[in-house]
Amino acid sequence: MRVTEHKTEKNRKIKGAFRSAMKATKEALASGNIEKAQEHLKKTLKAIDKASQKKVLHKNTAARKKSRLNALVKSAALTKK
């Protein structure tokens, strides 16, 4: 039981980190700050990769999230120019 609680806490922390990073990126996009969104994107991709590496996210789910987020930032950057 204690092992499960420990692992659950660890997984919750990892999952929270990548969710927070994704939220920060999307908020920067919504505010129209492309440079800040691109900075947050790097941190988000790192957090997603770490979650996938720790088996908190499935590798295909991680790839899908990274791809969609990258497409959002890229399209926002192209329309801004």
Protein backbone atom coordinates (compact mmCIF):
# COMPACT_ATOMS: atom_id res chain seq x y z
CA MET A 1 0.00 0.00 0.00
CA ARG A 2 2.78 2.45 0.88
CA VAL A 3 4.57 1.69 -2.40
CA THR A 4 1.42 2.48 -4.36
CA GLU A 5 0.98 5.77 -2.54
CA HIS A 6 4.60 6.71 -3.18
CA LYS A 7 4.37 5.90 -6.90
CA THR A 8 1.04 7.68 -7.20
CA GLU A 9 2.51 10.80 -5.65
CA LYS A 10 5.53 10.66 -7.96
CA ASN A 11 3.34 10.17 -11.05
CA ARG A 12 1.05 13.02 -9.97
CA LYS A 13 4.04 15.34 -9.67
CA ILE A 14 5.34 14.42 -13.15
CA LYS A 15 1.89 14.70 -14.71
CA GLY A 16 1.31 18.05 -13.04
CA ALA A 17 4.60 19.38 -14.38
CA PHE A 18 3.76 18.69 -18.01
CA ARG A 19 0.17 19.86 -17.63
CA SER A 20 1.35 23.15 -16.13
CA ALA A 21 3.87 23.57 -18.92
CA MET A 22 1.21 22.92 -21.57
CA LYS A 23 -1.12 25.40 -19.91
CA ALA A 24 1.58 28.08 -19.85
CA THR A 25 2.27 27.56 -23.55
CA LYS A 26 -1.41 27.77 -24.48
CA GLU A 27 -1.90 30.88 -22.34
CA ALA A 28 1.05 32.58 -24.05
CA LEU A 29 -0.49 31.71 -27.42
CA ALA A 30 -3.89 33.03 -26.37
CA SER A 31 -2.34 36.32 -25.28
CA GLY A 32 -0.57 36.59 -28.65
CA ASN A 33 2.95 36.47 -27.22
CA ILE A 34 4.64 34.17 -29.75
CA GLU A 35 8.19 34.51 -28.36
CA LYS A 36 7.04 33.53 -24.88
CA ALA A 37 5.02 30.64 -26.33
CA GLN A 38 8.10 29.34 -28.12
CA GLU A 39 10.10 29.50 -24.88
CA HIS A 40 7.38 27.64 -23.02
CA LEU A 41 7.14 25.12 -25.86
CA LYS A 42 10.72 23.99 -25.26
CA LYS A 43 10.00 23.42 -21.57
CA THR A 44 6.74 21.67 -22.38
CA LEU A 45 8.38 19.28 -24.85
CA LYS A 46 11.00 18.42 -22.24
CA ALA A 47 8.32 17.79 -19.60
CA ILE A 48 6.30 15.59 -21.99
CA ASP A 49 9.41 13.59 -22.90
CA LYS A 50 10.21 13.10 -19.23
CA ALA A 51 6.66 11.93 -18.49
CA SER A 52 6.88 9.48 -21.39
CA GLN A 53 10.28 8.26 -20.23
CA LYS A 54 8.91 7.65 -16.73
CA LYS A 55 5.93 5.73 -18.21
CA VAL A 56 3.42 8.28 -16.91
CA LEU A 57 2.36 8.94 -20.53
CA HIS A 58 2.30 6.39 -23.31
CA LYS A 59 4.90 7.18 -25.96
CA ASN A 60 2.27 7.63 -28.69
CA THR A 61 0.23 9.96 -26.47
CA ALA A 62 3.36 11.99 -25.81
CA ALA A 63 4.14 12.16 -29.52
CA ARG A 64 0.59 13.26 -30.31
CA LYS A 65 0.61 15.99 -27.66
CA LYS A 66 3.99 17.27 -28.81
CA SER A 67 2.91 17.29 -32.45
CA ARG A 68 -0.34 19.14 -31.83
CA LEU A 69 1.26 21.71 -29.56
CA ASN A 70 4.10 22.28 -32.00
CA ALA A 71 1.58 22.77 -34.83
CA LEU A 72 -0.32 25.35 -32.75
CA VAL A 73 2.79 27.39 -32.02
CA LYS A 74 4.04 27.12 -35.59
CA SER A 75 0.74 28.24 -37.11
CA ALA A 76 0.53 31.14 -34.65
CA ALA A 77 4.08 32.21 -35.56
CA LEU A 78 3.33 32.06 -39.29
CA THR A 79 0.11 34.05 -39.03
CA LYS A 80 1.83 36.65 -36.84
CA LYS A 81 4.43 37.41 -39.53
